[in-house]
Amino acid sequence: SFSKLCISYDEALARSVEDLSKIQ
């Protein structure tokens, strides 16, 4: 389970993609 507070929507989306990429 991942959860992160970001300044912008784009940053939140980018962080989710980054975390998924790390897992992969």
PDB file of all heavy atoms in Angstrom:
ATOM      1  N   SER A   1       0.842  -1.192   0.000  1.00  0.00           N
ATOM      2  CA  SER A   1       0.000   0.000   0.000  1.00  0.00           C
ATOM      3  C   SER A   1       0.880   1.246   0.000  1.00  0.00           C
ATOM      4  O   SER A   1       1.779   1.390   0.837  1.00  0.00           O
ATOM      5  CB  SER A   1      -0.916   0.009   1.227  1.00  0.00           C
ATOM      6  OG  SER A   1      -1.757  -1.123   1.234  1.00  0.00           O
ATOM      7  N   PHE A   2       0.607   2.141  -0.951  1.00  0.00           N
ATOM      8  CA  PHE A   2       1.365   3.383  -1.077  1.00  0.00           C
ATOM      9  C   PHE A   2       0.435   4.570  -0.823  1.00  0.00           C
ATOM     10  O   PHE A   2      -0.740   4.539  -1.197  1.00  0.00           O
ATOM     11  CB  PHE A   2       1.960   3.542  -2.489  1.00  0.00           C
ATOM     12  CG  PHE A   2       2.728   2.348  -2.961  1.00  0.00           C
ATOM     13  CD1 PHE A   2       2.090   1.274  -3.566  1.00  0.00           C
ATOM     14  CD2 PHE A   2       4.092   2.288  -2.798  1.00  0.00           C
ATOM     15  CE1 PHE A   2       2.797   0.182  -4.013  1.00  0.00           C
ATOM     16  CE2 PHE A   2       4.813   1.189  -3.240  1.00  0.00           C
ATOM     17  CZ  PHE A   2       4.171   0.138  -3.844  1.00  0.00           C
ATOM     18  N   SER A   3       0.977   5.617  -0.241  1.00  0.00           N
ATOM     19  CA  SER A   3       0.198   6.831  -0.021  1.00  0.00           C
ATOM     20  C   SER A   3       1.156   8.005   0.080  1.00  0.00           C
ATOM     21  O   SER A   3       2.141   7.956   0.826  1.00  0.00           O
ATOM     22  CB  SER A   3      -0.639   6.724   1.258  1.00  0.00           C
ATOM     23  OG  SER A   3      -1.422   7.883   1.436  1.00  0.00           O
ATOM     24  N   LYS A   4       0.887   9.065  -0.679  1.00  0.00           N
ATOM     25  CA  LYS A   4       1.780  10.215  -0.665  1.00  0.00           C
ATOM     26  C   LYS A   4       0.988  11.493  -0.984  1.00  0.00           C
ATOM     27  O   LYS A   4       0.133  11.506  -1.863  1.00  0.00           O
ATOM     28  CB  LYS A   4       2.899  10.035  -1.695  1.00  0.00           C
ATOM     29  CG  LYS A   4       3.907  11.164  -1.755  1.00  0.00           C
ATOM     30  CD  LYS A   4       4.709  11.257  -0.468  1.00  0.00           C
ATOM     31  CE  LYS A   4       5.620  10.071  -0.302  1.00  0.00           C
ATOM     32  NZ  LYS A   4       6.509  10.178   0.864  1.00  0.00           N
ATOM     33  N   LEU A   5       1.300  12.546  -0.238  1.00  0.00           N
ATOM     34  CA  LEU A   5       0.681  13.852  -0.466  1.00  0.00           C
ATOM     35  C   LEU A   5       1.614  14.692  -1.330  1.00  0.00           C
ATOM     36  O   LEU A   5       2.781  14.887  -0.979  1.00  0.00           O
ATOM     37  CB  LEU A   5       0.415  14.558   0.865  1.00  0.00           C
ATOM     38  CG  LEU A   5      -0.287  15.917   0.782  1.00  0.00           C
ATOM     39  CD1 LEU A   5      -1.693  15.767   0.203  1.00  0.00           C
ATOM     40  CD2 LEU A   5      -0.340  16.572   2.159  1.00  0.00           C
ATOM     41  N   CYS A   6       1.099  15.182  -2.452  1.00  0.00           N
ATOM     42  CA  CYS A   6       1.899  15.961  -3.403  1.00  0.00           C
ATOM     43  C   CYS A   6       1.274  17.334  -3.627  1.00  0.00           C
ATOM     44  O   CYS A   6       0.093  17.553  -3.353  1.00  0.00           O
ATOM     45  CB  CYS A   6       2.021  15.216  -4.726  1.00  0.00           C
ATOM     46  SG  CYS A   6       2.735  13.553  -4.575  1.00  0.00           S
ATOM     47  N   ILE A   7       2.078  18.251  -4.164  1.00  0.00           N
ATOM     48  CA  ILE A   7       1.614  19.618  -4.371  1.00  0.00           C
ATOM     49  C   ILE A   7       0.594  19.705  -5.500  1.00  0.00           C
ATOM     50  O   ILE A   7      -0.413  20.415  -5.407  1.00  0.00           O
ATOM     51  CB  ILE A   7       2.801  20.557  -4.674  1.00  0.00           C
ATOM     52  CG1 ILE A   7       3.769  20.584  -3.486  1.00  0.00           C
ATOM     53  CG2 ILE A   7       2.308  21.972  -4.981  1.00  0.00           C
ATOM     54  CD1 ILE A   7       3.127  21.067  -2.198  1.00  0.00           C
ATOM     55  N   SER A   8       0.836  18.973  -6.581  1.00  0.00           N
ATOM     56  CA  SER A   8      -0.048  19.055  -7.746  1.00  0.00           C
ATOM     57  C   SER A   8      -0.563  17.688  -8.141  1.00  0.00           C
ATOM     58  O   SER A   8      -0.019  16.653  -7.731  1.00  0.00           O
ATOM     59  CB  SER A   8       0.699  19.682  -8.926  1.00  0.00           C
ATOM     60  OG  SER A   8       1.732  18.806  -9.373  1.00  0.00           O
ATOM     61  N   TYR A   9      -1.604  17.690  -8.964  1.00  0.00           N
ATOM     62  CA  TYR A   9      -2.174  16.436  -9.459  1.00  0.00           C
ATOM     63  C   TYR A   9      -1.155  15.699 -10.315  1.00  0.00           C
ATOM     64  O   TYR A   9      -0.991  14.482 -10.203  1.00  0.00           O
ATOM     65  CB  TYR A   9      -3.435  16.737 -10.269  1.00  0.00           C
ATOM     66  CG  TYR A   9      -4.129  15.502 -10.790  1.00  0.00           C
ATOM     67  CD1 TYR A   9      -5.146  14.899 -10.054  1.00  0.00           C
ATOM     68  CD2 TYR A   9      -3.768  14.935 -12.019  1.00  0.00           C
ATOM     69  CE1 TYR A   9      -5.791  13.757 -10.520  1.00  0.00           C
ATOM     70  CE2 TYR A   9      -4.395  13.788 -12.486  1.00  0.00           C
ATOM     71  CZ  TYR A   9      -5.407  13.213 -11.738  1.00  0.00           C
ATOM     72  OH  TYR A   9      -6.029  12.085 -12.190  1.00  0.00           O
ATOM     73  N   ASP A  10      -0.457  16.453 -11.178  1.00  0.00           N
ATOM     74  CA  ASP A  10       0.532  15.838 -12.055  1.00  0.00           C
ATOM     75  C   ASP A  10       1.656  15.184 -11.254  1.00  0.00           C
ATOM     76  O   ASP A  10       2.151  14.116 -11.613  1.00  0.00           O
ATOM     77  CB  ASP A  10       1.116  16.888 -13.004  1.00  0.00           C
ATOM     78  CG  ASP A  10       0.115  17.326 -14.070  1.00  0.00           C
ATOM     79  OD1 ASP A  10      -0.860  16.589 -14.285  1.00  0.00           O
ATOM     80  OD2 ASP A  10       0.321  18.390 -14.678  1.00  0.00           O
ATOM     81  N   GLU A  11       2.055  15.845 -10.150  1.00  0.00           N
ATOM     82  CA  GLU A  11       3.109  15.275  -9.310  1.00  0.00           C
ATOM     83  C   GLU A  11       2.630  13.983  -8.648  1.00  0.00           C
ATOM     84  O   GLU A  11       3.393  13.003  -8.546  1.00  0.00           O
ATOM     85  CB  GLU A  11       3.532  16.271  -8.237  1.00  0.00           C
ATOM     86  CG  GLU A  11       4.651  15.758  -7.340  1.00  0.00           C
ATOM     87  CD  GLU A  11       4.982  16.706  -6.204  1.00  0.00           C
ATOM     88  OE1 GLU A  11       4.476  17.846  -6.220  1.00  0.00           O
ATOM     89  OE2 GLU A  11       5.731  16.298  -5.290  1.00  0.00           O
ATOM     90  N   ALA A  12       1.374  13.974  -8.189  1.00  0.00           N
ATOM     91  CA  ALA A  12       0.818  12.773  -7.560  1.00  0.00           C
ATOM     92  C   ALA A  12       0.761  11.624  -8.557  1.00  0.00           C
ATOM     93  O   ALA A  12       1.107  10.477  -8.228  1.00  0.00           O
ATOM     94  CB  ALA A  12      -0.578  13.070  -7.007  1.00  0.00           C
ATOM     95  N   LEU A  13       0.343  11.922  -9.776  1.00  0.00           N
ATOM     96  CA  LEU A  13       0.268  10.895 -10.811  1.00  0.00           C
ATOM     97  C   LEU A  13       1.664  10.390 -11.164  1.00  0.00           C
ATOM     98  O   LEU A  13       1.885   9.173 -11.306  1.00  0.00           O
ATOM     99  CB  LEU A  13      -0.417  11.464 -12.055  1.00  0.00           C
ATOM    100  CG  LEU A  13      -0.668  10.484 -13.207  1.00  0.00           C
ATOM    101  CD1 LEU A  13      -1.551   9.329 -12.743  1.00  0.00           C
ATOM    102  CD2 LEU A  13      -1.314  11.206 -14.388  1.00  0.00           C
ATOM    103  N   ALA A  14       2.625  11.314 -11.274  1.00  0.00           N
ATOM    104  CA  ALA A  14       3.993  10.923 -11.608  1.00  0.00           C
ATOM    105  C   ALA A  14       4.598  10.072 -10.496  1.00  0.00           C
ATOM    106  O   ALA A  14       5.321   9.098 -10.768  1.00  0.00           O
ATOM    107  CB  ALA A  14       4.847  12.166 -11.841  1.00  0.00           C
ATOM    108  N   ARG A  15       4.302  10.412  -9.239  1.00  0.00           N
ATOM    109  CA  ARG A  15       4.846   9.641  -8.110  1.00  0.00           C
ATOM    110  C   ARG A  15       4.282   8.223  -8.088  1.00  0.00           C
ATOM    111  O   ARG A  15       4.988   7.257  -7.793  1.00  0.00           O
ATOM    112  CB  ARG A  15       4.517  10.344  -6.799  1.00  0.00           C
ATOM    113  CG  ARG A  15       5.092   9.656  -5.566  1.00  0.00           C
ATOM    114  CD  ARG A  15       6.609   9.506  -5.655  1.00  0.00           C
ATOM    115  NE  ARG A  15       7.131   8.702  -4.573  1.00  0.00           N
ATOM    116  CZ  ARG A  15       7.586   9.191  -3.425  1.00  0.00           C
ATOM    117  NH1 ARG A  15       7.577  10.501  -3.217  1.00  0.00           N
ATOM    118  NH2 ARG A  15       8.052   8.404  -2.489  1.00  0.00           N
ATOM    119  N   SER A  16       2.993   8.093  -8.438  1.00  0.00           N
ATOM    120  CA  SER A  16       2.383   6.763  -8.473  1.00  0.00           C
ATOM    121  C   SER A  16       3.025   5.902  -9.554  1.00  0.00           C
ATOM    122  O   SER A  16       3.275   4.706  -9.356  1.00  0.00           O
ATOM    123  CB  SER A  16       0.873   6.874  -8.707  1.00  0.00           C
ATOM    124  OG  SER A  16       0.574   7.334 -10.016  1.00  0.00           O
ATOM    125  N   VAL A  17       3.312   6.509 -10.708  1.00  0.00           N
ATOM    126  CA  VAL A  17       3.964   5.785 -11.796  1.00  0.00           C
ATOM    127  C   VAL A  17       5.385   5.399 -11.394  1.00  0.00           C
ATOM    128  O   VAL A  17       5.857   4.290 -11.684  1.00  0.00           O
ATOM    129  CB  VAL A  17       3.992   6.647 -13.076  1.00  0.00           C
ATOM    130  CG1 VAL A  17       4.826   5.971 -14.162  1.00  0.00           C
ATOM    131  CG2 VAL A  17       2.576   6.896 -13.575  1.00  0.00           C
ATOM    132  N   GLU A  18       6.062   6.295 -10.687  1.00  0.00           N
ATOM    133  CA  GLU A  18       7.429   6.038 -10.229  1.00  0.00           C
ATOM    134  C   GLU A  18       7.470   4.863  -9.247  1.00  0.00           C
ATOM    135  O   GLU A  18       8.337   3.988  -9.350  1.00  0.00           O
ATOM    136  CB  GLU A  18       7.996   7.289  -9.569  1.00  0.00           C
ATOM    137  CG  GLU A  18       9.402   7.115  -9.029  1.00  0.00           C
ATOM    138  CD  GLU A  18       9.892   8.352  -8.280  1.00  0.00           C
ATOM    139  OE1 GLU A  18       9.224   9.404  -8.377  1.00  0.00           O
ATOM    140  OE2 GLU A  18      10.921   8.262  -7.591  1.00  0.00           O
ATOM    141  N   ASP A  19       6.539   4.864  -8.294  1.00  0.00           N
ATOM    142  CA  ASP A  19       6.496   3.771  -7.317  1.00  0.00           C
ATOM    143  C   ASP A  19       6.212   2.433  -7.989  1.00  0.00           C
ATOM    144  O   ASP A  19       6.800   1.408  -7.640  1.00  0.00           O
ATOM    145  CB  ASP A  19       5.434   4.055  -6.243  1.00  0.00           C
ATOM    146  CG  ASP A  19       5.899   5.088  -5.230  1.00  0.00           C
ATOM    147  OD1 ASP A  19       7.116   5.314  -5.133  1.00  0.00           O
ATOM    148  OD2 ASP A  19       5.045   5.674  -4.544  1.00  0.00           O
ATOM    149  N   LEU A  20       5.276   2.433  -8.948  1.00  0.00           N
ATOM    150  CA  LEU A  20       4.956   1.206  -9.672  1.00  0.00           C
ATOM    151  C   LEU A  20       6.168   0.714 -10.446  1.00  0.00           C
ATOM    152  O   LEU A  20       6.468  -0.489 -10.480  1.00  0.00           O
ATOM    153  CB  LEU A  20       3.781   1.449 -10.622  1.00  0.00           C
ATOM    154  CG  LEU A  20       3.363   0.254 -11.494  1.00  0.00           C
ATOM    155  CD1 LEU A  20       2.982  -0.932 -10.621  1.00  0.00           C
ATOM    156  CD2 LEU A  20       2.205   0.651 -12.415  1.00  0.00           C
ATOM    157  N   SER A  21       6.910   1.645 -11.055  1.00  0.00           N
ATOM    158  CA  SER A  21       8.098   1.284 -11.818  1.00  0.00           C
ATOM    159  C   SER A  21       9.159   0.672 -10.905  1.00  0.00           C
ATOM    160  O   SER A  21       9.845  -0.294 -11.284  1.00  0.00           O
ATOM    161  CB  SER A  21       8.662   2.528 -12.520  1.00  0.00           C
ATOM    162  OG  SER A  21       9.846   2.217 -13.228  1.00  0.00           O
ATOM    163  N   LYS A  22       9.294   1.200  -9.685  1.00  0.00           N
ATOM    164  CA  LYS A  22      10.265   0.661  -8.728  1.00  0.00           C
ATOM    165  C   LYS A  22       9.917  -0.779  -8.357  1.00  0.00           C
ATOM    166  O   LYS A  22      10.796  -1.640  -8.262  1.00  0.00           O
ATOM    167  CB  LYS A  22      10.292   1.527  -7.471  1.00  0.00           C
ATOM    168  CG  LYS A  22      10.987   2.867  -7.645  1.00  0.00           C
ATOM    169  CD  LYS A  22      10.985   3.646  -6.344  1.00  0.00           C
ATOM    170  CE  LYS A  22      11.701   4.978  -6.493  1.00  0.00           C
ATOM    171  NZ  LYS A  22      11.693   5.751  -5.228  1.00  0.00           N
ATOM    172  N   ILE A  23       8.623  -1.026  -8.149  1.00  0.00           N
ATOM    173  CA  ILE A  23       8.189  -2.387  -7.809  1.00  0.00           C
ATOM    174  C   ILE A  23       8.476  -3.334  -8.959  1.00  0.00           C
ATOM    175  O   ILE A  23       8.984  -4.451  -8.770  1.00  0.00           O
ATOM    176  CB  ILE A  23       6.692  -2.409  -7.468  1.00  0.00           C
ATOM    177  CG1 ILE A  23       6.434  -1.667  -6.158  1.00  0.00           C
ATOM    178  CG2 ILE A  23       6.173  -3.835  -7.371  1.00  0.00           C
ATOM    179  CD1 ILE A  23       7.065  -2.317  -4.955  1.00  0.00           C
ATOM    180  N   GLN A  24       8.156  -2.906 -10.166  1.00  0.00           N
ATOM    181  CA  GLN A  24       8.390  -3.757 -11.338  1.00  0.00           C
ATOM    182  C   GLN A  24       9.876  -4.061 -11.519  1.00  0.00           C
ATOM    183  O   GLN A  24      10.250  -5.194 -11.828  1.00  0.00           O
ATOM    184  CB  GLN A  24       7.829  -3.067 -12.588  1.00  0.00           C
ATOM    185  CG  GLN A  24       6.306  -2.987 -12.607  1.00  0.00           C
ATOM    186  CD  GLN A  24       5.770  -2.167 -13.764  1.00  0.00           C
ATOM    187  OE1 GLN A  24       6.457  -1.269 -14.271  1.00  0.00           O
ATOM    188  NE2 GLN A  24       4.551  -2.455 -14.188  1.00  0.00           N
TER     189      GLN A  24
END
